[in-house]
Amino acid sequence: MLMDALLVGDQAVPAPAMVVTVAVLAAVQSVFGVGLLVFGTPTLLLLGVPFELVLAYLLPCSLTVSALQVASSGGLQLEPIRRLFLSYSAPAVLVATALALVVGSPGGMRAVVGGMLLATAVIRLIAPVQHVFAGFVRGHLRPLLVLLGLVHGASNLGGGLLTLIVGTTFADKTQIRRSIAFCYGLMASIQLVVVFAASSPAVVPALWLTLPLTAATVYLVVGRRLFSRAGEQVYQWSLTGLVAGFGVLMLAGP
């Protein structure tokens, strides 16, 4: 039963905790475009779920919410930032995910990403510095997109960096979430293909289907309302808080 811990070989998968985690983080991702992977990955790892299973369970959930967001905000139009993402980030995600499954995720990446995100949150709070930083991002967008792909493929923690790039590029909350959802969804698609092509994760079918359905339900019932009711200023302040939260999570985690 899904209300009990499920055994996968010798590994106990805490199904109720996973359902609750996905439901809460689906609400976060419904508003900001990210959340299920960057918060869900360390949460499930702390619950004792192996990394391979974390990917197998969370990627369909993230992909489901991203697909719904893209479908409700203009569809698959190839805007300039999406073209750049396809050219620079997507190949990096593919290569880094395959390497991470073979040799493991590089050590120390959490600390590097965490420090970068905390610095970004501080920058977003200081208006004069924001303009300088935005110019830096625009001037180095291509290498930053490659870095995004490598970080996300190797660790599943690229959501914060993606938020940083898109949040600096756009000022409108609808553009921000639309662009994040497209990029996040495509990264999840690439990773999901690599995970099942390179390994055979022993997922529990009932749980594997329940989690994406939970994420979709949360988005349709709660997430869309939260996003539409969030004022522009509140959204931007919340986005800054989210970036800071990513940073703290990365630095404080084991």
Protein backbone atom coordinates (compact mmCIF):
# COMPACT_ATOMS: atom_id res chain seq x y z
CA MET A 1 0.00 0.00 0.00
CA LEU A 2 1.13 3.56 -0.69
CA MET A 3 0.56 4.51 2.95
CA ASP A 4 3.40 2.24 4.02
CA ALA A 5 7.11 2.23 3.33
CA LEU A 6 7.68 0.22 0.15
CA LEU A 7 10.53 -2.23 -0.20
CA VAL A 8 12.66 -2.04 -3.35
CA GLY A 9 15.13 -4.87 -2.94
CA ASP A 10 16.70 -4.17 0.47
CA GLN A 11 15.80 -0.46 0.26
CA ALA A 12 12.75 0.89 2.14
CA VAL A 13 11.17 3.71 0.13
CA PRO A 14 9.17 6.06 2.42
CA ALA A 15 6.15 6.44 0.16
CA PRO A 16 3.96 8.71 2.36
CA ALA A 17 6.83 11.14 2.92
CA MET A 18 7.57 11.16 -0.80
CA VAL A 19 3.93 11.97 -1.66
CA VAL A 20 3.86 14.85 0.85
CA THR A 21 7.22 16.16 -0.39
CA VAL A 22 6.06 16.14 -4.00
CA ALA A 23 2.76 17.85 -3.13
CA VAL A 24 4.44 20.69 -1.23
CA LEU A 25 7.21 21.24 -3.76
CA ALA A 26 4.81 21.04 -6.71
CA ALA A 27 3.13 24.13 -5.23
CA VAL A 28 6.50 25.89 -5.10
CA GLN A 29 7.33 24.91 -8.67
CA SER A 30 3.87 25.98 -9.82
CA VAL A 31 4.72 29.55 -8.82
CA PHE A 32 8.43 29.84 -9.58
CA GLY A 33 9.05 27.17 -12.22
CA VAL A 34 11.55 25.29 -10.04
CA GLY A 35 11.42 23.45 -6.73
CA LEU A 36 10.72 19.75 -7.17
CA LEU A 37 14.29 18.88 -8.10
CA VAL A 38 16.41 21.41 -6.23
CA PHE A 39 14.54 20.95 -2.94
CA GLY A 40 13.24 17.44 -3.56
CA THR A 41 16.62 15.88 -4.35
CA PRO A 42 18.30 16.62 -1.00
CA THR A 43 15.04 15.89 0.86
CA LEU A 44 14.63 12.40 -0.59
CA LEU A 45 18.34 11.68 -0.19
CA LEU A 46 17.99 12.53 3.51
CA LEU A 47 15.03 10.13 3.66
CA GLY A 48 17.37 7.39 2.43
CA VAL A 49 16.23 7.13 -1.18
CA PRO A 50 19.18 6.27 -3.50
CA PHE A 51 20.15 8.96 -6.04
CA GLU A 52 19.14 6.81 -9.01
CA LEU A 53 15.64 6.38 -7.55
CA VAL A 54 15.45 10.07 -6.64
CA LEU A 55 15.91 10.88 -10.32
CA ALA A 56 13.47 8.21 -11.46
CA TYR A 57 10.73 9.42 -9.11
CA LEU A 58 11.18 13.20 -9.19
CA LEU A 59 11.93 13.80 -12.87
CA PRO A 60 8.44 12.77 -14.09
CA CYS A 61 6.88 15.04 -11.44
CA SER A 62 8.99 18.02 -12.46
CA LEU A 63 8.38 17.34 -16.13
CA THR A 64 4.62 17.15 -15.57
CA VAL A 65 4.41 20.55 -13.86
CA SER A 66 6.75 22.17 -16.39
CA ALA A 67 4.72 20.80 -19.31
CA LEU A 68 1.50 22.18 -17.84
CA GLN A 69 3.13 25.57 -17.32
CA VAL A 70 4.49 25.69 -20.86
CA ALA A 71 1.15 24.60 -22.33
CA SER A 72 -0.69 27.35 -20.43
CA SER A 73 1.76 30.14 -21.30
CA GLY A 74 2.22 30.15 -25.07
CA GLY A 75 3.37 26.62 -25.83
CA LEU A 76 6.64 25.59 -27.45
CA GLN A 77 7.60 28.87 -29.10
CA LEU A 78 11.34 29.12 -29.72
CA GLU A 79 12.13 32.46 -28.11
CA PRO A 80 15.78 33.63 -28.24
CA ILE A 81 16.68 32.38 -24.75
CA ARG A 82 15.09 29.02 -25.54
CA ARG A 83 17.22 28.67 -28.68
CA LEU A 84 20.35 29.46 -26.69
CA PHE A 85 19.33 26.94 -24.05
CA LEU A 86 18.85 24.24 -26.67
CA SER A 87 22.26 24.99 -28.16
CA TYR A 88 24.33 25.28 -24.98
CA SER A 89 22.59 23.82 -21.92
CA ALA A 90 20.84 20.77 -23.37
CA PRO A 91 24.02 19.01 -24.63
CA ALA A 92 25.77 19.75 -21.33
CA VAL A 93 22.87 18.22 -19.38
CA LEU A 94 23.04 15.07 -21.49
CA VAL A 95 26.78 14.57 -21.02
CA ALA A 96 26.86 15.48 -17.33
CA THR A 97 23.91 13.24 -16.41
CA ALA A 98 25.49 10.24 -18.13
CA LEU A 99 28.81 10.87 -16.37
CA ALA A 100 27.13 11.33 -12.97
CA LEU A 101 25.38 7.97 -13.29
CA VAL A 102 28.67 6.27 -14.20
CA VAL A 103 31.19 7.94 -11.87
CA GLY A 104 29.01 9.85 -9.39
CA SER A 105 28.38 13.53 -8.77
CA PRO A 106 31.50 15.70 -8.18
CA GLY A 107 32.22 16.49 -4.55
CA GLY A 108 31.95 20.06 -3.30
CA MET A 109 29.39 21.13 -5.89
CA ARG A 110 26.74 21.88 -3.27
CA ALA A 111 29.00 24.41 -1.57
CA VAL A 112 29.94 26.14 -4.83
CA VAL A 113 26.32 26.41 -5.97
CA GLY A 114 25.17 27.51 -2.51
CA GLY A 115 27.72 30.30 -2.26
CA MET A 116 26.89 31.52 -5.76
CA LEU A 117 23.17 31.67 -4.99
CA LEU A 118 23.54 33.46 -1.67
CA ALA A 119 25.70 36.09 -3.36
CA THR A 120 23.05 36.47 -6.06
CA ALA A 121 20.29 36.97 -3.47
CA VAL A 122 22.31 39.77 -1.86
CA ILE A 123 22.92 41.37 -5.26
CA ARG A 124 19.17 41.32 -6.03
CA LEU A 125 18.60 43.35 -2.86
CA ILE A 126 21.01 46.15 -3.86
CA ALA A 127 19.57 48.14 -6.78
CA PRO A 128 22.80 49.73 -8.14
CA VAL A 129 24.57 46.38 -8.15
CA GLN A 130 21.66 44.68 -9.93
CA HIS A 131 22.31 46.61 -13.15
CA VAL A 132 26.00 45.68 -13.15
CA PHE A 133 25.20 42.04 -12.46
CA ALA A 134 22.51 41.92 -15.15
CA GLY A 135 25.07 43.24 -17.64
CA PHE A 136 27.50 40.51 -16.58
CA VAL A 137 24.88 37.79 -17.12
CA ARG A 138 23.93 39.14 -20.56
CA GLY A 139 27.58 39.41 -21.54
CA HIS A 140 28.38 35.85 -20.42
CA LEU A 141 25.07 34.15 -21.15
CA ARG A 142 26.46 31.33 -23.30
CA PRO A 143 29.11 30.09 -20.83
CA LEU A 144 26.60 30.44 -18.00
CA LEU A 145 24.14 28.26 -19.91
CA VAL A 146 26.83 25.61 -20.40
CA LEU A 147 27.60 25.80 -16.67
CA LEU A 148 23.89 25.42 -15.92
CA GLY A 149 23.71 22.23 -17.98
CA LEU A 150 26.80 20.74 -16.35
CA VAL A 151 25.67 21.57 -12.81
CA HIS A 152 22.15 20.26 -13.32
CA GLY A 153 23.19 17.10 -15.12
CA ALA A 154 25.79 16.24 -12.51
CA SER A 155 23.80 17.06 -9.37
CA ASN A 156 20.11 17.80 -10.15
CA LEU A 157 20.72 21.18 -8.48
CA GLY A 158 20.67 23.52 -11.45
CA GLY A 159 17.28 25.04 -10.62
CA GLY A 160 18.79 27.84 -8.57
CA LEU A 161 21.26 28.78 -11.30
CA LEU A 162 18.46 28.67 -13.88
CA THR A 163 16.40 31.01 -11.68
CA LEU A 164 19.40 33.32 -11.41
CA ILE A 165 19.90 33.51 -15.19
CA VAL A 166 16.25 33.90 -16.17
CA GLY A 167 15.41 36.21 -13.24
CA THR A 168 18.18 38.54 -14.34
CA THR A 169 17.20 38.39 -18.02
CA PHE A 170 13.48 39.16 -17.54
CA ALA A 171 11.57 41.50 -15.21
CA ASP A 172 8.01 40.22 -15.71
CA LYS A 173 6.90 37.26 -13.59
CA THR A 174 5.06 35.60 -16.50
CA GLN A 175 8.15 35.73 -18.73
CA ILE A 176 10.33 34.49 -15.89
CA ARG A 177 8.19 31.47 -15.10
CA ARG A 178 7.51 30.67 -18.77
CA SER A 179 11.21 30.59 -19.63
CA ILE A 180 12.15 28.65 -16.50
CA ALA A 181 9.42 26.07 -17.13
CA PHE A 182 10.60 25.44 -20.69
CA CYS A 183 14.25 25.01 -19.70
CA TYR A 184 13.50 23.00 -16.56
CA GLY A 185 11.12 20.71 -18.42
CA LEU A 186 13.60 20.03 -21.20
CA MET A 187 16.37 19.27 -18.70
CA ALA A 188 14.05 16.83 -16.92
CA SER A 189 13.21 15.14 -20.23
CA ILE A 190 16.88 14.69 -21.11
CA GLN A 191 17.73 13.34 -17.67
CA LEU A 192 14.78 10.94 -17.66
CA VAL A 193 15.84 9.43 -20.98
CA VAL A 194 19.44 9.05 -19.79
CA VAL A 195 18.41 7.51 -16.44
CA PHE A 196 16.29 4.77 -18.00
CA ALA A 197 18.68 4.22 -20.90
CA ALA A 198 21.79 3.95 -18.74
CA SER A 199 20.31 2.06 -15.78
CA SER A 200 17.26 0.13 -14.64
CA PRO A 201 15.90 1.92 -11.57
CA ALA A 202 13.71 -0.43 -9.54
CA VAL A 203 10.73 1.89 -9.17
CA VAL A 204 7.44 0.86 -7.58
CA PRO A 205 4.94 1.27 -10.46
CA ALA A 206 2.04 2.49 -8.29
CA LEU A 207 4.21 5.13 -6.61
CA TRP A 208 5.88 6.10 -9.88
CA LEU A 209 2.45 6.91 -11.35
CA THR A 210 1.00 8.46 -8.19
CA LEU A 211 3.69 11.09 -7.71
CA PRO A 212 3.29 12.86 -11.12
CA LEU A 213 -0.49 12.74 -10.73
CA THR A 214 -0.08 14.38 -7.32
CA ALA A 215 2.12 17.10 -8.82
CA ALA A 216 -0.36 17.76 -11.64
CA THR A 217 -3.29 17.96 -9.22
CA VAL A 218 -1.49 20.44 -6.99
CA TYR A 219 -0.65 22.63 -9.99
CA LEU A 220 -4.18 22.59 -11.40
CA VAL A 221 -5.99 23.08 -8.08
CA VAL A 222 -3.61 25.30 -6.11
CA GLY A 223 -0.54 26.35 -8.08
CA ARG A 224 -2.22 28.37 -10.83
CA ARG A 225 -4.19 30.39 -8.28
CA LEU A 226 -1.09 31.14 -6.21
CA PHE A 227 0.76 32.40 -9.29
CA SER A 228 -2.08 34.58 -10.58
CA ARG A 229 -2.65 36.19 -7.18
CA ALA A 230 1.01 37.02 -6.56
CA GLY A 231 1.69 40.70 -7.26
CA GLU A 232 4.79 41.62 -9.26
CA GLN A 233 6.69 43.08 -6.31
CA VAL A 234 5.72 40.21 -4.02
CA TYR A 235 6.81 37.77 -6.71
CA GLN A 236 10.22 39.41 -7.11
CA TRP A 237 10.83 39.51 -3.36
CA SER A 238 9.73 35.89 -3.09
CA LEU A 239 12.04 34.95 -5.95
CA THR A 240 14.94 36.57 -4.10
CA GLY A 241 13.98 34.61 -0.99
CA LEU A 242 13.82 31.41 -3.02
CA VAL A 243 17.32 31.99 -4.42
CA ALA A 244 18.59 32.63 -0.89
CA GLY A 245 16.81 29.49 0.32
CA PHE A 246 18.52 27.44 -2.40
CA GLY A 247 21.86 28.79 -1.23
CA VAL A 248 21.26 28.01 2.43
CA LEU A 249 20.03 24.53 1.57
CA MET A 250 23.12 23.80 -0.49
CA LEU A 251 25.51 25.04 2.19
CA ALA A 252 23.72 23.49 5.16
CA GLY A 253 23.10 20.06 3.63
CA PRO A 254 25.35 17.07 4.38
